[in-house]
Amino acid sequence: MKHQGDPPSLNLFNAVLKSAFRDLEWEEYGVTINGRKMNNFGFADDVGLISENGDKLQTMVNEQIEF
C-alpha cells in the first residue's frame, strides 16, 4: 500500500504539475536567468511564480486558478 509522501506519489505529483505548467503558455511571463526565461520554480510540493511586475504575476495566478 502506497502512502502520501512515498517517492512514487511525489514523482507522480511532480509529473502532473510540470505538465500543467507546460499547458499554461506563459512564454511572455517571467524573468531571464542565464539566458533562459523562468516563470516558475518548484520544491517538493511548493511552487513559486516569478514575473517582472505585479500585474503580470496577478495574471499568472488568475490563469493558474482557472486552469
N, C-alpha and C. Protein backbone atom coordinates (compact mmCIF):
# COMPACT_ATOMS: atom_id res chain seq x y z
N MET A 1 0.84 -1.17 0.00
CA MET A 1 0.00 0.00 0.00
C MET A 1 0.89 1.24 0.00
N LYS A 2 0.60 2.16 -0.91
CA LYS A 2 1.36 3.41 -1.02
C LYS A 2 0.74 4.47 -0.13
N HIS A 3 1.60 5.32 0.41
CA HIS A 3 1.14 6.40 1.27
C HIS A 3 1.57 7.73 0.70
N GLN A 4 0.86 8.77 1.08
CA GLN A 4 1.25 10.12 0.68
C GLN A 4 2.67 10.36 1.18
N GLY A 5 3.48 10.95 0.31
CA GLY A 5 4.86 11.23 0.68
C GLY A 5 5.84 10.16 0.22
N ASP A 6 5.33 8.98 -0.19
CA ASP A 6 6.21 7.96 -0.74
C ASP A 6 6.80 8.47 -2.05
N PRO A 7 8.01 8.05 -2.41
CA PRO A 7 8.63 8.53 -3.66
C PRO A 7 7.74 8.42 -4.89
N PRO A 8 7.02 7.31 -5.12
CA PRO A 8 6.15 7.28 -6.31
C PRO A 8 5.06 8.36 -6.28
N SER A 9 4.51 8.65 -5.11
CA SER A 9 3.49 9.69 -5.01
C SER A 9 4.06 11.06 -5.36
N LEU A 10 5.26 11.36 -4.86
CA LEU A 10 5.90 12.64 -5.14
C LEU A 10 6.25 12.75 -6.62
N ASN A 11 6.75 11.68 -7.21
CA ASN A 11 7.09 11.70 -8.64
C ASN A 11 5.86 11.92 -9.50
N LEU A 12 4.77 11.27 -9.17
CA LEU A 12 3.53 11.45 -9.92
C LEU A 12 3.01 12.88 -9.78
N PHE A 13 3.04 13.41 -8.58
CA PHE A 13 2.61 14.79 -8.34
C PHE A 13 3.44 15.76 -9.18
N ASN A 14 4.76 15.59 -9.16
CA ASN A 14 5.65 16.48 -9.92
C ASN A 14 5.42 16.37 -11.42
N ALA A 15 5.19 15.17 -11.92
CA ALA A 15 4.95 14.98 -13.35
C ALA A 15 3.66 15.67 -13.79
N VAL A 16 2.61 15.55 -13.01
CA VAL A 16 1.34 16.19 -13.34
C VAL A 16 1.47 17.71 -13.26
N LEU A 17 2.17 18.19 -12.25
CA LEU A 17 2.37 19.63 -12.09
C LEU A 17 3.17 20.22 -13.25
N LYS A 18 4.24 19.56 -13.66
CA LYS A 18 5.04 20.03 -14.80
C LYS A 18 4.21 20.06 -16.07
N SER A 19 3.39 19.05 -16.27
CA SER A 19 2.55 19.00 -17.45
C SER A 19 1.55 20.17 -17.45
N ALA A 20 0.97 20.46 -16.31
CA ALA A 20 0.01 21.56 -16.21
C ALA A 20 0.69 22.89 -16.51
N PHE A 21 1.89 23.11 -15.99
CA PHE A 21 2.58 24.37 -16.24
C PHE A 21 2.97 24.51 -17.71
N ARG A 22 3.31 23.41 -18.37
CA ARG A 22 3.62 23.48 -19.81
C ARG A 22 2.40 23.91 -20.62
N ASP A 23 1.22 23.50 -20.19
CA ASP A 23 -0.01 23.82 -20.91
C ASP A 23 -0.48 25.26 -20.71
N LEU A 24 0.07 25.98 -19.75
CA LEU A 24 -0.39 27.33 -19.46
C LEU A 24 0.08 28.38 -20.46
N GLU A 25 1.08 28.09 -21.27
CA GLU A 25 1.57 29.01 -22.31
C GLU A 25 1.95 30.37 -21.72
N TRP A 26 2.93 30.37 -20.83
CA TRP A 26 3.40 31.58 -20.15
C TRP A 26 4.72 32.07 -20.71
N GLU A 27 4.96 31.91 -22.00
CA GLU A 27 6.24 32.31 -22.58
C GLU A 27 6.57 33.78 -22.39
N GLU A 28 5.55 34.65 -22.36
CA GLU A 28 5.81 36.08 -22.22
C GLU A 28 5.96 36.51 -20.76
N TYR A 29 5.75 35.61 -19.83
CA TYR A 29 5.88 35.94 -18.41
C TYR A 29 7.21 35.42 -17.87
N GLY A 30 7.65 36.01 -16.79
CA GLY A 30 8.84 35.54 -16.12
C GLY A 30 10.01 36.49 -16.28
N VAL A 31 11.17 36.02 -15.85
CA VAL A 31 12.41 36.78 -15.94
C VAL A 31 13.47 35.91 -16.61
N THR A 32 14.44 36.55 -17.23
CA THR A 32 15.51 35.82 -17.90
C THR A 32 16.66 35.61 -16.92
N ILE A 33 17.03 34.36 -16.73
CA ILE A 33 18.14 33.99 -15.85
C ILE A 33 19.09 33.11 -16.65
N ASN A 34 20.33 33.57 -16.80
CA ASN A 34 21.33 32.83 -17.58
C ASN A 34 20.83 32.50 -18.98
N GLY A 35 20.14 33.44 -19.60
CA GLY A 35 19.66 33.27 -20.97
C GLY A 35 18.41 32.42 -21.11
N ARG A 36 17.83 32.01 -20.01
CA ARG A 36 16.64 31.16 -20.06
C ARG A 36 15.49 31.87 -19.36
N LYS A 37 14.33 31.88 -19.98
CA LYS A 37 13.14 32.52 -19.39
C LYS A 37 12.57 31.59 -18.32
N MET A 38 12.46 32.12 -17.11
CA MET A 38 11.92 31.34 -15.98
C MET A 38 10.67 32.04 -15.47
N ASN A 39 9.60 31.27 -15.27
CA ASN A 39 8.37 31.87 -14.75
C ASN A 39 7.83 31.13 -13.53
N ASN A 40 8.45 29.99 -13.21
CA ASN A 40 8.05 29.28 -12.00
C ASN A 40 9.19 28.39 -11.54
N PHE A 41 9.16 28.05 -10.28
CA PHE A 41 10.11 27.09 -9.74
C PHE A 41 9.39 26.28 -8.67
N GLY A 42 9.84 25.07 -8.49
CA GLY A 42 9.18 24.21 -7.53
C GLY A 42 10.16 23.53 -6.60
N PHE A 43 9.70 23.25 -5.43
CA PHE A 43 10.47 22.48 -4.46
C PHE A 43 9.48 21.64 -3.68
N ALA A 44 9.65 20.33 -3.78
CA ALA A 44 8.73 19.38 -3.15
C ALA A 44 7.31 19.68 -3.64
N ASP A 45 6.40 20.05 -2.73
CA ASP A 45 5.03 20.32 -3.16
C ASP A 45 4.71 21.81 -3.15
N ASP A 46 5.75 22.66 -3.22
CA ASP A 46 5.58 24.11 -3.27
C ASP A 46 5.95 24.62 -4.65
N VAL A 47 5.26 25.67 -5.09
CA VAL A 47 5.54 26.30 -6.38
C VAL A 47 5.66 27.80 -6.16
N GLY A 48 6.68 28.39 -6.74
CA GLY A 48 6.83 29.84 -6.71
C GLY A 48 6.70 30.38 -8.11
N LEU A 49 6.01 31.48 -8.27
CA LEU A 49 5.86 32.13 -9.57
C LEU A 49 6.77 33.35 -9.62
N ILE A 50 7.36 33.60 -10.78
CA ILE A 50 8.29 34.71 -10.97
C ILE A 50 7.80 35.55 -12.14
N SER A 51 7.80 36.87 -11.96
CA SER A 51 7.40 37.76 -13.03
C SER A 51 8.11 39.10 -12.89
N GLU A 52 8.05 39.89 -13.96
CA GLU A 52 8.71 41.19 -13.98
C GLU A 52 7.97 42.22 -13.13
N ASN A 53 6.66 42.09 -13.01
CA ASN A 53 5.90 43.06 -12.23
C ASN A 53 4.65 42.40 -11.64
N GLY A 54 4.02 43.13 -10.75
CA GLY A 54 2.86 42.60 -10.03
C GLY A 54 1.66 42.31 -10.91
N ASP A 55 1.45 43.12 -11.95
CA ASP A 55 0.30 42.89 -12.84
C ASP A 55 0.43 41.56 -13.58
N LYS A 56 1.61 41.28 -14.10
CA LYS A 56 1.81 40.02 -14.80
C LYS A 56 1.73 38.84 -13.83
N LEU A 57 2.25 39.03 -12.64
CA LEU A 57 2.17 37.98 -11.62
C LEU A 57 0.72 37.68 -11.27
N GLN A 58 -0.10 38.72 -11.13
CA GLN A 58 -1.52 38.51 -10.83
C GLN A 58 -2.22 37.77 -11.96
N THR A 59 -1.87 38.10 -13.21
CA THR A 59 -2.44 37.39 -14.36
C THR A 59 -2.07 35.91 -14.31
N MET A 60 -0.82 35.62 -13.97
CA MET A 60 -0.38 34.23 -13.87
C MET A 60 -1.16 33.48 -12.79
N VAL A 61 -1.35 34.11 -11.65
CA VAL A 61 -2.11 33.48 -10.56
C VAL A 61 -3.54 33.22 -11.02
N ASN A 62 -4.16 34.20 -11.67
CA ASN A 62 -5.54 34.04 -12.15
C ASN A 62 -5.65 32.91 -13.15
N GLU A 63 -4.69 32.83 -14.09
CA GLU A 63 -4.72 31.76 -15.09
C GLU A 63 -4.51 30.40 -14.46
N GLN A 64 -3.68 30.34 -13.45
CA GLN A 64 -3.43 29.06 -12.77
C GLN A 64 -4.68 28.60 -12.05
N ILE A 65 -5.39 29.54 -11.42
CA ILE A 65 -6.61 29.19 -10.70
C ILE A 65 -7.68 28.69 -11.68
N GLU A 66 -7.79 29.35 -12.85
CA GLU A 66 -8.79 28.95 -13.86
C GLU A 66 -8.48 27.62 -14.50
N PHE A 67 -7.20 27.27 -14.56
CA PHE A 67 -6.77 26.05 -15.21
C PHE A 67 -7.26 24.87 -14.42
